[in-house]
Amino acid sequence: MYYEIEIRPQSAARFQVEAHPDTYRRILTIYQVAPAMRQLFQIDFRIRTQIVRCLECLVAETEIDDKLSIHEEVCLQLAFCYKIGFGISRSEEKSKVLLAQSHKHDVLEDQLIALKQSAGPSYNPSTIYGLWHDRGVISTTTDAQYYREQNLLASVQTVHEREIMDWAAVLEPSHWIVLATAGYYQAILENLGLLDKAEDVARDILRKVSETVPENVLVVTTSKQALAKALLVNEKLEEAEKLAQEVDKVEKATFGRPKSALLPCIYAAQGKTKDAAVLMEALMDNFSSTFGADHARTLVIRWNVCEIYRQQRRIKEAIALSEPLLQAAITTLGEEHEFSLLVRMSLTRLLWERRTWLGGFNGPRGDGTLKLDFIKTSQALLGNNHPWTIDLLVSTVRNLVGKARFPEAIALQKQIITLSETRPGLNHPRTVQHRNRLRYLQKVYSSYLFFERIGSLHIGQYVLTPSLREREGLERICWPLHKKKDMTKVTPFELELSTGSHHG
């Protein structure tokens, strides 16, 4: 599986959202929310909620103290929040009441006009924000792990849905802030496993952008890239490839080289590993020279190169790249980061496949399963039905089959189907693939039982029954049948789907 993903280091800012209103008092009486909207929409949604709470406290406090100048100012800012739906549900009625107390109708109108006419964001590298952005400390708006650690993914989805509707009502559906927020929402939907809905949002964004701005504007290219990513996740590779090639052409014309790993990821998913390797290796060199070999963005490219090498059976080269990549990921992102976990799982799989051509089936564990600590970590961090967790379980099924433990493999495959039906969905190509694999396993198991029955041949004192091969002399008669069946007694691996825990 290949991903066009963004990761963020653990050193990225973690906003304190439960601060006392006094924390914001001085800031909010000097700066206004409206001009800061260009950046405030990109941060943790709870900050916007907290700003509104602080403004409400300041409105009440300044009215009692008769601090008219401050009172009028904070009423204006809170009126803006209710007018546009910033940090709270939109309310024209409450906005009008506050605006009447502020006596600044013209100011609010000017703020709205300026916001409607504002251009898209630009990052000045000389500013602190630009410096952090260039170093990979991007806003946490789409950071899956950031919200997942705090069990907030569902809340983020609800808030973004409300904000998109409120902001579109005031700023127009095609406004750049609305489109950017919808793009964040698409990433959140993908992290929740709502892949079809994420694709619908991406299509809607591209349609609105195409209707309002010229084809050569950067936002069109960005929207095409977002849709191509959604299509890749949904395995609609032909349409994704077409869009990705358009994006690649624009990036070459604008920057002199591609800046996105999307096209090589699509090629890899299509099995065009030679083309994917060439493009991804070029990106790895470019990103390493531009950002540094251990930059968060470069790490993703390096991992994709390793996965392409694995697909090409260039196992030794993949391991040589993966080992330093794991150390770099741990140093840059932390050992518990989901990307570090992904690299560790990939490296483990490579080390197994290096053993022999059957290494991927045999593995080092006596019970034929993957290391359960990897599965436990993936379940705890990402959830039972996350694609990476399911990939681990699929590899466990493969290992169990390699040890002729068919009943356990079939039972686990049924659980994988149950997980996949909840995410990515009943009719998703991966879910269909899991169902097909179950039918294949059941067929192979039937054949295995048949040959096991007819294989119970008596040759003198030797019995060629798979479960009774004990005499060394049997090797001289028929070496392939002499190899003993794995009879290790192990508690079957089972998932508790409701809690995300496991037994094994």
Protein backbone atom coordinates (compact mmCIF):
# COMPACT_ATOMS: atom_id res chain seq x y z
CA MET A 1 0.00 0.00 0.00
CA TYR A 2 1.34 3.42 -0.94
CA TYR A 3 0.48 6.75 0.61
CA GLU A 4 0.74 10.36 -0.39
CA ILE A 5 0.71 11.59 3.19
CA GLU A 6 1.88 14.45 5.37
CA ILE A 7 3.47 13.90 8.75
CA ARG A 8 4.30 16.33 11.49
CA PRO A 9 7.06 16.14 14.11
CA GLN A 10 6.17 15.76 17.76
CA SER A 11 7.85 19.11 18.39
CA ALA A 12 4.97 20.83 16.56
CA ALA A 13 3.10 23.27 18.76
CA ARG A 14 0.48 21.76 21.03
CA PHE A 15 -1.89 24.57 21.83
CA GLN A 16 -3.12 25.10 25.39
CA VAL A 17 -6.85 25.50 25.02
CA GLU A 18 -8.02 25.54 28.62
CA ALA A 19 -6.29 28.74 29.63
CA HIS A 20 -8.03 31.30 31.82
CA PRO A 21 -9.59 34.21 29.93
CA ASP A 22 -6.98 36.55 31.47
CA THR A 23 -4.42 34.83 29.24
CA TYR A 24 -6.04 36.39 26.18
CA ARG A 25 -7.27 39.66 27.68
CA ARG A 26 -4.41 41.87 26.52
CA ILE A 27 -4.19 40.27 23.06
CA LEU A 28 -7.89 40.53 22.35
CA THR A 29 -8.13 44.17 23.37
CA ILE A 30 -5.34 45.10 20.96
CA TYR A 31 -5.78 42.78 18.00
CA GLN A 32 -9.01 42.02 16.22
CA VAL A 33 -10.16 38.60 15.12
CA ALA A 34 -11.20 39.57 11.59
CA PRO A 35 -7.74 40.51 10.24
CA ALA A 36 -6.26 37.40 11.89
CA MET A 37 -8.82 35.12 10.25
CA ARG A 38 -6.32 34.40 7.46
CA GLN A 39 -4.31 32.28 9.90
CA LEU A 40 -6.75 31.51 12.71
CA PHE A 41 -8.82 29.19 10.49
CA GLN A 42 -5.76 26.92 10.11
CA ILE A 43 -5.23 26.13 13.79
CA ASP A 44 -6.86 23.78 16.29
CA PHE A 45 -10.60 24.43 16.22
CA ARG A 46 -10.64 24.57 20.03
CA ILE A 47 -8.58 27.76 19.92
CA ARG A 48 -11.38 29.46 17.98
CA THR A 49 -13.90 28.21 20.53
CA GLN A 50 -11.74 29.46 23.41
CA ILE A 51 -11.34 32.89 21.80
CA VAL A 52 -15.12 33.26 21.69
CA ARG A 53 -15.41 32.23 25.33
CA CYS A 54 -12.81 34.81 26.32
CA LEU A 55 -14.59 37.51 24.33
CA GLU A 56 -17.89 36.66 26.03
CA CYS A 57 -16.23 36.98 29.44
CA LEU A 58 -14.66 40.30 28.46
CA VAL A 59 -17.99 41.63 27.19
CA ALA A 60 -19.63 40.88 30.54
CA GLU A 61 -16.74 42.18 32.64
CA THR A 62 -16.21 45.43 30.74
CA GLU A 63 -19.93 46.23 30.74
CA ILE A 64 -20.08 45.98 34.54
CA ASP A 65 -16.92 48.04 34.97
CA ASP A 66 -18.19 50.61 32.49
CA LYS A 67 -14.96 50.46 30.49
CA LEU A 68 -16.69 51.74 27.39
CA SER A 69 -13.77 51.84 24.98
CA ILE A 70 -12.77 48.24 25.72
CA HIS A 71 -16.39 47.13 25.89
CA GLU A 72 -17.16 48.49 22.43
CA GLU A 73 -14.04 46.85 21.02
CA VAL A 74 -14.76 43.37 22.36
CA CYS A 75 -18.43 43.67 21.35
CA LEU A 76 -17.27 44.36 17.81
CA GLN A 77 -15.00 41.32 17.80
CA LEU A 78 -17.69 39.05 19.25
CA ALA A 79 -20.20 40.43 16.73
CA PHE A 80 -17.81 39.38 13.97
CA CYS A 81 -17.55 35.85 15.44
CA TYR A 82 -21.35 35.46 15.48
CA LYS A 83 -21.68 37.05 12.04
CA ILE A 84 -19.31 34.64 10.33
CA GLY A 85 -19.55 31.59 12.62
CA PHE A 86 -16.02 31.83 14.02
CA GLY A 87 -15.64 29.58 17.05
CA ILE A 88 -19.40 29.35 17.51
CA SER A 89 -22.53 28.68 15.45
CA ARG A 90 -23.48 31.59 13.22
CA SER A 91 -26.23 33.90 14.60
CA GLU A 92 -27.31 37.07 12.82
CA GLU A 93 -29.52 38.05 15.74
CA LYS A 94 -26.75 37.92 18.35
CA SER A 95 -24.37 39.66 15.97
CA LYS A 96 -26.80 42.57 15.55
CA VAL A 97 -27.25 42.94 19.32
CA LEU A 98 -23.50 43.07 19.92
CA LEU A 99 -22.95 45.35 16.97
CA ALA A 100 -25.46 47.79 18.41
CA GLN A 101 -23.48 47.85 21.66
CA SER A 102 -20.23 48.47 19.80
CA HIS A 103 -21.55 51.38 17.68
CA LYS A 104 -19.15 50.25 14.93
CA HIS A 105 -21.36 49.07 12.07
CA ASP A 106 -19.06 50.56 9.44
CA VAL A 107 -15.98 48.88 10.90
CA LEU A 108 -17.60 45.43 10.74
CA GLU A 109 -18.69 46.01 7.15
CA ASP A 110 -15.15 47.07 6.20
CA GLN A 111 -13.74 43.95 7.89
CA LEU A 112 -16.10 41.67 5.98
CA ILE A 113 -15.34 43.36 2.65
CA ALA A 114 -11.58 43.07 3.29
CA LEU A 115 -11.94 39.40 4.18
CA LYS A 116 -14.06 38.65 1.10
CA GLN A 117 -11.53 40.37 -1.16
CA SER A 118 -8.47 38.84 0.48
CA ALA A 119 -6.16 36.64 -1.54
CA GLY A 120 -4.94 33.19 -0.59
CA PRO A 121 -2.24 32.68 2.05
CA SER A 122 1.38 33.33 1.29
CA TYR A 123 4.25 32.18 3.47
CA ASN A 124 7.01 34.70 4.08
CA PRO A 125 10.10 32.71 5.16
CA SER A 126 11.37 35.71 7.16
CA THR A 127 8.45 35.47 9.62
CA ILE A 128 8.29 33.03 12.52
CA TYR A 129 5.25 31.37 10.94
CA GLY A 130 7.09 31.01 7.63
CA LEU A 131 10.18 29.65 9.39
CA TRP A 132 8.16 27.01 11.22
CA HIS A 133 6.32 26.11 8.01
CA ASP A 134 9.59 25.59 6.12
CA ARG A 135 10.89 23.38 8.93
CA GLY A 136 7.86 21.13 8.67
CA VAL A 137 6.04 22.41 11.76
CA ILE A 138 2.80 22.88 9.83
CA SER A 139 -0.55 23.68 11.37
CA THR A 140 -2.21 20.85 13.25
CA THR A 141 -5.51 21.26 11.40
CA THR A 142 -5.14 18.00 9.46
CA ASP A 143 -2.80 16.19 11.85
CA ALA A 144 -4.49 12.82 12.31
CA GLN A 145 -2.35 11.67 15.20
CA TYR A 146 -2.73 14.99 17.03
CA TYR A 147 -6.52 14.69 17.12
CA ARG A 148 -6.55 10.90 17.38
CA GLU A 149 -4.45 10.94 20.55
CA GLN A 150 -7.12 13.10 22.17
CA ASN A 151 -10.11 11.21 20.74
CA LEU A 152 -11.23 14.31 18.84
CA LEU A 153 -11.50 13.12 15.24
CA ALA A 154 -15.30 12.93 15.36
CA SER A 155 -15.51 16.37 17.01
CA VAL A 156 -13.24 17.84 14.37
CA GLN A 157 -15.50 16.45 11.66
CA THR A 158 -18.61 18.00 13.26
CA VAL A 159 -17.01 21.41 13.76
CA HIS A 160 -15.56 21.57 10.24
CA GLU A 161 -18.91 20.69 8.71
CA ARG A 162 -20.55 23.53 10.61
CA GLU A 163 -17.76 26.01 9.82
CA ILE A 164 -17.79 25.26 6.11
CA MET A 165 -21.54 25.93 5.92
CA ASP A 166 -21.35 29.11 8.05
CA TRP A 167 -18.33 30.60 6.30
CA ALA A 168 -19.69 29.76 2.85
CA ALA A 169 -22.92 31.64 3.71
CA VAL A 170 -20.97 34.83 4.43
CA LEU A 171 -17.86 34.61 2.22
CA GLU A 172 -19.35 32.67 -0.76
CA PRO A 173 -18.74 28.94 -1.38
CA SER A 174 -15.76 29.59 -3.66
CA HIS A 175 -13.85 31.80 -1.20
CA TRP A 176 -10.31 30.55 -0.62
CA ILE A 177 -10.79 30.14 3.14
CA VAL A 178 -13.90 28.00 2.56
CA LEU A 179 -12.09 25.88 -0.03
CA ALA A 180 -9.03 25.48 2.18
CA THR A 181 -11.21 24.46 5.12
CA ALA A 182 -12.99 21.95 2.89
CA GLY A 183 -9.57 20.57 1.96
CA TYR A 184 -8.77 20.07 5.64
CA TYR A 185 -12.15 18.43 6.06
CA GLN A 186 -11.32 16.01 3.25
CA ALA A 187 -8.16 14.94 5.10
CA ILE A 188 -10.16 14.45 8.30
CA LEU A 189 -12.68 12.28 6.48
CA GLU A 190 -9.84 10.15 5.10
CA ASN A 191 -8.43 9.74 8.60
CA LEU A 192 -11.86 8.64 9.79
CA GLY A 193 -12.02 6.11 6.96
CA LEU A 194 -14.93 7.87 5.24
CA LEU A 195 -13.22 7.55 1.88
CA ASP A 196 -16.26 7.91 -0.39
CA LYS A 197 -17.32 11.08 1.42
CA ALA A 198 -13.77 12.44 1.21
CA GLU A 199 -13.81 11.89 -2.54
CA ASP A 200 -17.15 13.71 -2.83
CA VAL A 201 -15.74 16.70 -0.95
CA ALA A 202 -12.65 16.76 -3.20
CA ARG A 203 -14.81 16.67 -6.34
CA ASP A 204 -16.99 19.48 -5.01
CA ILE A 205 -13.94 21.64 -4.26
CA LEU A 206 -12.51 21.14 -7.75
CA ARG A 207 -15.86 21.91 -9.35
CA LYS A 208 -16.26 25.18 -7.42
CA VAL A 209 -12.68 26.22 -8.09
CA SER A 210 -12.91 25.45 -11.79
CA GLU A 211 -16.08 27.54 -12.08
CA THR A 212 -14.61 30.63 -10.43
CA VAL A 213 -10.89 30.89 -11.26
CA PRO A 214 -8.76 30.42 -14.41
CA GLU A 215 -7.25 27.04 -15.16
CA ASN A 216 -3.67 28.24 -14.65
CA VAL A 217 -4.20 29.47 -11.07
CA LEU A 218 -2.38 27.44 -8.41
CA VAL A 219 -5.54 26.68 -6.43
CA VAL A 220 -6.86 24.65 -9.38
CA THR A 221 -3.73 22.51 -9.38
CA THR A 222 -3.98 22.06 -5.62
CA SER A 223 -7.62 20.98 -5.94
CA LYS A 224 -6.73 18.48 -8.67
CA GLN A 225 -4.02 17.08 -6.45
CA ALA A 226 -6.44 16.68 -3.54
CA LEU A 227 -8.94 14.83 -5.73
CA ALA A 228 -6.22 12.61 -7.20
CA LYS A 229 -5.15 11.69 -3.67
CA ALA A 230 -8.75 10.79 -2.74
CA LEU A 231 -9.04 8.68 -5.90
CA LEU A 232 -5.77 6.90 -5.11
CA VAL A 233 -7.03 5.98 -1.64
CA ASN A 234 -10.24 4.70 -3.23
CA GLU A 235 -8.15 2.78 -5.80
CA LYS A 236 -9.65 4.58 -8.80
CA LEU A 237 -6.23 4.63 -10.34
CA GLU A 238 -6.98 5.51 -13.96
CA GLU A 239 -8.75 8.77 -13.12
CA ALA A 240 -6.19 9.52 -10.39
CA GLU A 241 -3.32 9.06 -12.85
CA LYS A 242 -4.83 11.51 -15.32
CA LEU A 243 -5.18 14.24 -12.69
CA ALA A 244 -1.75 13.54 -11.22
CA GLN A 245 -0.13 13.89 -14.64
CA GLU A 246 -1.79 17.29 -15.04
CA VAL A 247 -0.46 18.33 -11.63
CA ASP A 248 3.00 17.01 -12.51
CA LYS A 249 3.02 19.03 -15.74
CA VAL A 250 2.10 22.27 -13.95
CA GLU A 251 4.71 21.71 -11.22
CA LYS A 252 7.45 21.13 -13.79
CA ALA A 253 6.47 24.31 -15.65
CA THR A 254 6.22 26.38 -12.45
CA PHE A 255 9.02 25.03 -10.25
CA GLY A 256 11.22 23.23 -12.74
CA ARG A 257 10.59 19.85 -11.11
CA PRO A 258 7.74 17.86 -9.53
CA LYS A 259 7.05 18.61 -5.86
CA SER A 260 4.50 15.89 -5.19
CA ALA A 261 4.89 12.14 -4.67
CA LEU A 262 1.37 11.55 -5.92
CA LEU A 263 2.16 10.36 -9.46
CA PRO A 264 4.85 7.82 -8.45
CA CYS A 265 2.52 6.53 -5.69
CA ILE A 266 -0.16 5.94 -8.33
CA TYR A 267 2.35 4.21 -10.61
CA ALA A 268 3.41 1.96 -7.74
CA ALA A 269 -0.22 1.07 -6.99
CA GLN A 270 -0.67 0.20 -10.68
CA GLY A 271 2.36 -2.08 -10.63
CA LYS A 272 4.46 0.29 -12.78
CA THR A 273 7.33 -0.07 -10.35
CA LYS A 274 10.09 0.97 -12.76
CA ASP A 275 8.48 4.35 -13.50
CA ALA A 276 7.55 4.78 -9.83
CA ALA A 277 11.11 4.09 -8.68
CA VAL A 278 12.65 6.61 -11.10
CA LEU A 279 10.27 9.40 -10.08
CA MET A 280 10.43 8.65 -6.35
CA GLU A 281 14.24 8.45 -6.33
CA ALA A 282 14.41 11.85 -8.04
CA LEU A 283 12.03 13.27 -5.43
CA MET A 284 14.13 11.79 -2.63
CA ASP A 285 17.24 13.53 -3.97
CA ASN A 286 15.39 16.83 -4.45
CA PHE A 287 13.77 16.78 -1.01
CA SER A 288 17.05 15.77 0.66
CA SER A 289 18.90 18.70 -0.89
CA THR A 290 16.06 21.18 -0.29
CA PHE A 291 14.79 20.24 3.18
CA GLY A 292 17.41 17.81 4.47
CA ALA A 293 17.56 14.02 4.56
CA ASP A 294 15.78 13.82 7.92
CA HIS A 295 13.06 16.40 7.27
CA ALA A 296 9.53 15.13 7.87
CA ARG A 297 8.61 15.46 4.19
CA THR A 298 11.78 13.71 3.04
CA LEU A 299 11.14 10.82 5.42
CA VAL A 300 7.84 10.03 3.66
CA ILE A 301 9.57 9.96 0.28
CA ARG A 302 12.33 7.71 1.60
CA TRP A 303 9.75 5.28 2.97
CA ASN A 304 7.91 5.17 -0.36
CA VAL A 305 11.21 4.36 -2.10
CA CYS A 306 11.70 1.45 0.32
CA GLU A 307 8.20 0.14 -0.42
CA ILE A 308 8.76 0.35 -4.18
CA TYR A 309 12.05 -1.55 -3.80
CA ARG A 310 10.21 -4.23 -1.81
CA GLN A 311 7.64 -4.53 -4.57
CA GLN A 312 10.50 -4.95 -7.05
CA ARG A 313 12.03 -7.64 -4.78
CA ARG A 314 15.10 -5.46 -4.22
CA ILE A 315 15.02 -6.56 -0.59
CA LYS A 316 18.65 -5.85 0.33
CA GLU A 317 18.46 -2.30 -1.05
CA ALA A 318 15.17 -1.72 0.74
CA ILE A 319 16.63 -2.87 4.07
CA ALA A 320 19.71 -0.70 3.56
CA LEU A 321 17.40 2.33 3.19
CA SER A 322 14.90 1.31 5.89
CA GLU A 323 17.32 0.86 8.79
CA PRO A 324 18.64 4.46 8.81
CA LEU A 325 15.14 5.68 7.96
CA LEU A 326 13.75 4.13 11.15
CA GLN A 327 16.40 5.84 13.26
CA ALA A 328 15.75 9.16 11.54
CA ALA A 329 11.99 8.81 12.05
CA ILE A 330 12.43 8.07 15.77
CA THR A 331 14.80 11.02 16.18
CA THR A 332 12.66 13.47 14.22
CA LEU A 333 9.16 12.36 15.10
CA GLY A 334 9.43 10.19 18.20
CA GLU A 335 9.19 6.45 18.74
CA GLU A 336 5.41 6.45 19.25
CA HIS A 337 4.58 8.51 16.16
CA GLU A 338 2.39 6.65 13.68
CA PHE A 339 4.95 7.12 10.89
CA SER A 340 7.72 5.62 13.05
CA LEU A 341 5.41 2.68 13.68
CA LEU A 342 4.79 2.30 9.95
CA VAL A 343 8.54 2.27 9.17
CA ARG A 344 9.17 -0.27 11.92
CA MET A 345 6.48 -2.58 10.55
CA SER A 346 7.86 -2.23 7.02
CA LEU A 347 11.41 -2.99 8.13
CA THR A 348 10.25 -6.05 10.08
CA ARG A 349 8.46 -7.35 7.01
CA LEU A 350 11.58 -6.79 4.88
CA LEU A 351 13.77 -8.67 7.36
CA TRP A 352 11.36 -11.63 7.24
CA GLU A 353 11.29 -11.65 3.45
CA ARG A 354 15.09 -11.64 3.31
CA ARG A 355 15.26 -15.04 5.08
CA THR A 356 14.36 -17.18 2.06
CA TRP A 357 11.86 -17.01 -0.74
CA LEU A 358 9.44 -18.49 1.78
CA GLY A 359 10.52 -16.07 4.50
CA GLY A 360 7.37 -14.03 4.19
CA PHE A 361 5.36 -17.16 5.08
CA ASN A 362 7.52 -18.72 7.75
CA GLY A 363 8.62 -15.77 9.87
CA PRO A 364 10.46 -16.06 13.19
CA ARG A 365 7.47 -16.69 15.49
CA GLY A 366 6.53 -20.22 16.43
CA ASP A 367 2.81 -19.47 16.23
CA GLY A 368 3.01 -17.97 12.76
CA THR A 369 1.74 -14.53 13.78
CA LEU A 370 3.37 -11.17 13.49
CA LYS A 371 4.83 -9.78 16.67
CA LEU A 372 1.79 -8.99 18.74
CA ASP A 373 3.36 -5.86 20.22
CA PHE A 374 3.25 -4.28 16.75
CA ILE A 375 -0.40 -5.19 16.38
CA LYS A 376 -1.19 -3.92 19.88
CA THR A 377 0.59 -0.61 19.21
CA SER A 378 -1.16 -0.16 15.89
CA GLN A 379 -4.54 -0.91 17.47
CA ALA A 380 -3.96 1.52 20.33
CA LEU A 381 -2.59 4.32 18.16
CA LEU A 382 -4.61 3.99 14.97
CA GLY A 383 -7.56 1.75 15.80
CA ASN A 384 -8.64 -1.76 14.81
CA ASN A 385 -9.90 -0.80 11.38
CA HIS A 386 -7.07 1.49 10.29
CA PRO A 387 -5.51 0.31 6.99
CA TRP A 388 -2.10 -0.16 8.61
CA THR A 389 -3.55 -2.33 11.38
CA ILE A 390 -5.43 -4.41 8.83
CA ASP A 391 -2.23 -4.82 6.82
CA LEU A 392 -0.57 -6.30 9.91
CA LEU A 393 -3.43 -8.75 10.35
CA VAL A 394 -3.30 -9.70 6.66
CA SER A 395 0.39 -10.54 7.06
CA THR A 396 -0.50 -12.64 10.10
CA VAL A 397 -3.01 -14.58 8.00
CA ARG A 398 -0.31 -15.17 5.41
CA ASN A 399 2.09 -16.47 8.04
CA LEU A 400 -0.55 -18.78 9.55
CA VAL A 401 -1.25 -20.25 6.10
CA GLY A 402 2.47 -20.85 5.62
CA LYS A 403 2.38 -22.98 8.76
CA ALA A 404 -0.77 -24.85 7.65
CA ARG A 405 -2.80 -23.29 10.46
CA PHE A 406 -5.83 -22.86 8.22
CA PRO A 407 -8.63 -22.71 10.83
CA GLU A 408 -6.93 -19.83 12.64
CA ALA A 409 -6.09 -18.07 9.36
CA ILE A 410 -9.70 -18.34 8.15
CA ALA A 411 -11.09 -17.10 11.48
CA LEU A 412 -8.79 -14.08 11.43
CA GLN A 413 -9.58 -13.38 7.77
CA LYS A 414 -13.29 -13.22 8.67
CA GLN A 415 -12.47 -10.64 11.33
CA ILE A 416 -10.46 -8.63 8.80
CA ILE A 417 -13.51 -8.54 6.54
CA THR A 418 -15.63 -7.27 9.45
CA LEU A 419 -13.12 -4.51 10.14
CA SER A 420 -12.82 -3.58 6.48
CA GLU A 421 -16.59 -3.37 6.07
CA THR A 422 -16.69 -0.61 8.68
CA ARG A 423 -13.68 1.11 7.15
CA PRO A 424 -13.16 1.67 4.26
CA GLY A 425 -16.63 0.25 3.50
CA LEU A 426 -18.76 -2.65 2.29
CA ASN A 427 -18.01 -2.25 -1.42
CA HIS A 428 -14.53 -0.78 -1.28
CA PRO A 429 -12.01 -2.64 -3.50
CA ARG A 430 -9.94 -3.67 -0.47
CA THR A 431 -13.00 -5.13 1.25
CA VAL A 432 -13.84 -7.07 -1.90
CA GLN A 433 -10.23 -8.27 -2.02
CA HIS A 434 -10.46 -9.51 1.57
CA ARG A 435 -13.64 -11.44 0.76
CA ASN A 436 -11.99 -13.02 -2.26
CA ARG A 437 -9.01 -13.99 -0.13
CA LEU A 438 -11.34 -15.71 2.36
CA ARG A 439 -12.92 -17.78 -0.42
CA TYR A 440 -9.45 -18.68 -1.67
CA LEU A 441 -8.32 -19.75 1.81
CA GLN A 442 -11.40 -21.89 2.28
CA LYS A 443 -10.77 -23.56 -1.07
CA VAL A 444 -7.10 -24.18 -0.27
CA TYR A 445 -8.03 -25.60 3.13
CA SER A 446 -10.50 -28.05 1.52
CA SER A 447 -7.79 -29.21 -0.87
CA TYR A 448 -5.32 -29.51 1.99
CA LEU A 449 -7.72 -31.72 3.97
CA PHE A 450 -8.34 -33.88 0.89
CA PHE A 451 -4.66 -34.46 0.23
CA GLU A 452 -4.04 -35.03 3.93
CA ARG A 453 -6.62 -37.86 3.88
CA ILE A 454 -5.30 -39.56 0.76
CA GLY A 455 -1.75 -38.99 1.97
CA SER A 456 -2.17 -41.39 4.90
CA LEU A 457 -0.20 -44.15 3.16
CA HIS A 458 1.39 -47.07 4.99
CA ILE A 459 4.84 -48.05 3.79
CA GLY A 460 6.01 -50.81 6.08
CA GLN A 461 6.27 -49.33 9.57
CA TYR A 462 6.11 -45.76 8.30
CA VAL A 463 2.88 -43.79 8.04
CA LEU A 464 2.86 -40.82 5.67
CA THR A 465 0.17 -38.95 7.58
CA PRO A 466 1.10 -35.24 7.92
CA SER A 467 0.30 -35.17 11.65
CA LEU A 468 2.22 -38.39 12.43
CA ARG A 469 5.59 -37.90 10.72
CA GLU A 470 8.09 -38.74 13.43
CA ARG A 471 10.54 -41.39 12.16
CA GLU A 472 13.71 -39.97 10.71
CA GLY A 473 13.95 -42.90 8.33
CA LEU A 474 10.98 -41.50 6.49
CA GLU A 475 13.26 -38.87 4.94
CA ARG A 476 14.92 -41.57 2.84
CA ILE A 477 11.57 -42.60 1.43
CA CYS A 478 10.04 -39.22 0.63
CA TRP A 479 11.73 -36.06 1.91
CA PRO A 480 8.90 -33.59 1.12
CA LEU A 481 6.44 -35.63 3.18
CA HIS A 482 8.92 -36.02 6.00
CA LYS A 483 8.81 -32.34 6.96
CA LYS A 484 6.68 -32.24 10.08
CA LYS A 485 3.55 -30.18 10.27
CA ASP A 486 3.65 -27.27 12.74
CA MET A 487 1.74 -28.59 15.75
CA THR A 488 2.63 -25.75 18.16
CA LYS A 489 -0.27 -25.23 20.52
CA VAL A 490 -1.12 -21.55 20.67
CA THR A 491 -4.20 -19.69 21.83
CA PRO A 492 -5.97 -18.52 18.63
CA PHE A 493 -5.54 -14.83 17.86
CA GLU A 494 -8.81 -13.00 18.36
CA LEU A 495 -9.84 -9.36 18.26
CA GLU A 496 -12.28 -7.73 20.59
CA LEU A 497 -13.82 -5.44 18.02
CA SER A 498 -15.64 -3.27 20.55
CA THR A 499 -12.61 -2.34 22.63
CA GLY A 500 -9.72 -2.53 20.20
CA SER A 501 -7.87 -5.00 22.41
CA HIS A 502 -6.76 -8.47 21.45
CA HIS A 503 -5.94 -11.88 22.81
CA GLY A 504 -3.03 -13.88 21.55
